[in-house]
Amino acid sequence: MLKSGVNPHLYYGRFCLITIWAEQEARELWEEIDRWMEEHPEATLKEIERYLQPLRRKFLARIVALQLLKRGAGVSLEAPLCSHCGRPMEYKGIRGRPTVGLELEGDLPEAYYYCPHCGEGFSPPQAAIGAGEGTKEGGRVSDGS
């Protein structure tokens, strides 16, 4: 039995594909860290932390992305209405949006809708990424600080 709000397409039998992907991401990160540690056996704690910081931000973005995908990434059963012409928009898929947060940096998935009548594009806000909290600056979302 699936939890309410969970995308059923993310399951293969009783296995959650998101869990499998998350485990693969963690395994790849571990291997990358392990290689670096083998190449730098004399690294200080400060050097290790410097190396890990961008990896941690990237990994957190991947985990958040997987959670957003699990929740549908903003896809709705009913097509949103175009804010420009008021007609129903067409779902065009999920795309990545470059995002910078307090502790993460990477592409987060979002549903994308397109109005074939006037050419307007739209991605619905998602509560998990604080819709309205950040501001878009040059294609990136900042936390406002």
Protein backbone atom coordinates (compact mmCIF):
# COMPACT_ATOMS: atom_id res chain seq x y z
CA MET A 1 0.00 0.00 0.00
CA LEU A 2 1.43 3.38 -1.04
CA LYS A 3 1.40 6.39 1.22
CA SER A 4 -0.86 9.26 0.20
CA GLY A 5 0.88 11.74 -2.08
CA VAL A 6 3.56 9.26 -3.22
CA ASN A 7 4.09 8.82 -6.95
CA PRO A 8 3.19 5.16 -7.75
CA HIS A 9 5.46 5.19 -10.83
CA LEU A 10 8.45 5.25 -8.51
CA TYR A 11 7.87 1.66 -7.39
CA TYR A 12 8.98 -1.56 -8.98
CA GLY A 13 7.07 -4.30 -7.23
CA ARG A 14 7.55 -3.60 -3.55
CA PHE A 15 10.84 -1.75 -4.12
CA CYS A 16 10.91 2.01 -4.05
CA LEU A 17 13.12 3.24 -6.90
CA ILE A 18 13.87 6.39 -4.91
CA THR A 19 15.41 4.28 -2.15
CA ILE A 20 17.48 2.38 -4.69
CA TRP A 21 18.65 5.65 -6.29
CA ALA A 22 19.46 7.17 -2.87
CA GLU A 23 21.53 4.12 -1.94
CA GLN A 24 23.38 4.36 -5.27
CA GLU A 25 24.07 8.08 -4.70
CA ALA A 26 25.43 7.35 -1.21
CA ARG A 27 27.59 4.50 -2.52
CA GLU A 28 29.05 6.71 -5.29
CA LEU A 29 29.76 9.51 -2.81
CA TRP A 30 31.46 7.07 -0.44
CA GLU A 31 33.65 5.75 -3.26
CA GLU A 32 34.61 9.29 -4.29
CA ILE A 33 35.52 10.22 -0.70
CA ASP A 34 37.38 6.94 -0.22
CA ARG A 35 39.48 7.56 -3.38
CA TRP A 36 40.37 11.05 -2.21
CA MET A 37 41.33 9.81 1.26
CA GLU A 38 43.57 7.12 -0.29
CA GLU A 39 45.24 9.80 -2.44
CA HIS A 40 45.68 12.14 0.55
CA PRO A 41 46.67 9.92 3.51
CA GLU A 42 48.28 12.82 5.38
CA ALA A 43 45.30 15.19 4.99
CA THR A 44 44.47 17.30 8.03
CA LEU A 45 40.95 17.54 9.41
CA LYS A 46 40.67 21.03 7.91
CA GLU A 47 41.71 19.74 4.46
CA ILE A 48 39.23 16.87 4.70
CA GLU A 49 36.45 19.27 5.66
CA ARG A 50 37.34 21.58 2.76
CA TYR A 51 37.18 18.65 0.37
CA LEU A 52 33.88 17.37 1.80
CA GLN A 53 32.01 20.69 1.91
CA PRO A 54 31.06 20.91 -1.80
CA LEU A 55 30.36 17.17 -1.89
CA ARG A 56 28.01 17.51 1.08
CA ARG A 57 26.13 20.37 -0.61
CA LYS A 58 25.82 18.33 -3.82
CA PHE A 59 24.71 15.20 -1.93
CA LEU A 60 22.07 17.12 0.05
CA ALA A 61 20.71 18.54 -3.21
CA ARG A 62 20.44 15.02 -4.60
CA ILE A 63 18.60 13.77 -1.50
CA VAL A 64 16.16 16.70 -1.64
CA ALA A 65 15.71 16.11 -5.39
CA LEU A 66 14.85 12.45 -4.76
CA GLN A 67 12.32 13.46 -2.09
CA LEU A 68 10.75 15.99 -4.47
CA LEU A 69 10.52 13.32 -7.17
CA LYS A 70 8.92 10.97 -4.66
CA ARG A 71 6.25 13.62 -4.04
CA GLY A 72 5.70 14.23 -7.74
CA ALA A 73 7.88 17.38 -8.15
CA GLY A 74 4.83 19.64 -8.45
CA VAL A 75 2.90 17.53 -10.98
CA SER A 76 -0.85 17.84 -10.52
CA LEU A 77 -3.69 15.75 -11.92
CA GLU A 78 -5.48 18.87 -13.09
CA ALA A 79 -3.59 21.12 -15.48
CA PRO A 80 -3.03 24.62 -14.13
CA LEU A 81 -4.60 27.52 -15.97
CA CYS A 82 -2.33 29.91 -17.80
CA SER A 83 -1.94 33.15 -15.86
CA HIS A 84 -1.71 35.04 -19.17
CA CYS A 85 -4.67 33.72 -21.20
CA GLY A 86 -6.59 31.56 -18.68
CA ARG A 87 -6.54 28.38 -20.79
CA PRO A 88 -5.38 24.98 -19.50
CA MET A 89 -1.64 24.41 -19.80
CA GLU A 90 0.03 21.22 -21.07
CA TYR A 91 2.36 19.15 -18.89
CA LYS A 92 5.80 18.98 -20.54
CA GLY A 93 7.70 16.90 -18.01
CA ILE A 94 10.04 17.38 -15.10
CA ARG A 95 13.15 19.50 -15.51
CA GLY A 96 15.99 20.45 -13.20
CA ARG A 97 16.25 23.96 -11.78
CA PRO A 98 19.64 25.17 -10.53
CA THR A 99 19.16 25.93 -6.85
CA VAL A 100 21.37 27.28 -4.09
CA GLY A 101 20.14 26.85 -0.53
CA LEU A 102 21.68 27.27 2.90
CA GLU A 103 23.26 23.81 2.84
CA LEU A 104 22.76 22.52 -0.70
CA GLU A 105 23.60 23.37 -4.27
CA GLY A 106 22.38 21.51 -7.32
CA ASP A 107 19.48 20.93 -9.66
CA LEU A 108 16.09 20.32 -8.06
CA PRO A 109 13.30 18.77 -10.13
CA GLU A 110 10.18 20.71 -10.95
CA ALA A 111 7.14 20.01 -13.09
CA TYR A 112 6.93 22.20 -16.16
CA TYR A 113 3.74 23.28 -17.92
CA TYR A 114 3.43 25.13 -21.21
CA CYS A 115 0.54 27.06 -22.74
CA PRO A 116 0.29 26.19 -26.44
CA HIS A 117 -2.00 29.18 -27.02
CA CYS A 118 0.21 32.02 -25.82
CA GLY A 119 3.60 30.38 -25.19
CA GLU A 120 3.67 31.01 -21.44
CA GLY A 121 5.69 28.52 -19.34
CA PHE A 122 5.05 27.69 -15.68
CA SER A 123 6.46 25.55 -12.87
CA PRO A 124 4.21 25.27 -9.81
CA PRO A 125 5.76 26.13 -6.44
CA GLN A 126 6.60 23.24 -4.14
CA ALA A 127 6.21 23.54 -0.38
CA ALA A 128 9.35 21.44 0.25
CA ILE A 129 11.57 24.05 -1.36
CA GLY A 130 9.95 27.03 0.35
CA ALA A 131 7.90 28.49 -2.46
CA GLY A 132 8.22 32.24 -2.27
CA GLU A 133 11.13 32.19 0.22
CA GLY A 134 13.96 32.54 -2.28
CA THR A 135 14.39 34.90 -5.16
CA LYS A 136 15.52 33.92 -8.63
CA GLU A 137 18.75 35.62 -9.57
CA GLY A 138 20.32 34.75 -12.90
CA GLY A 139 18.51 31.40 -13.10
CA ARG A 140 19.52 30.50 -9.56
CA VAL A 141 17.43 30.61 -6.43
CA SER A 142 18.94 32.21 -3.38
CA ASP A 143 17.77 31.94 0.19
CA GLY A 144 17.37 35.72 0.33
CA SER A 145 20.51 36.36 2.42
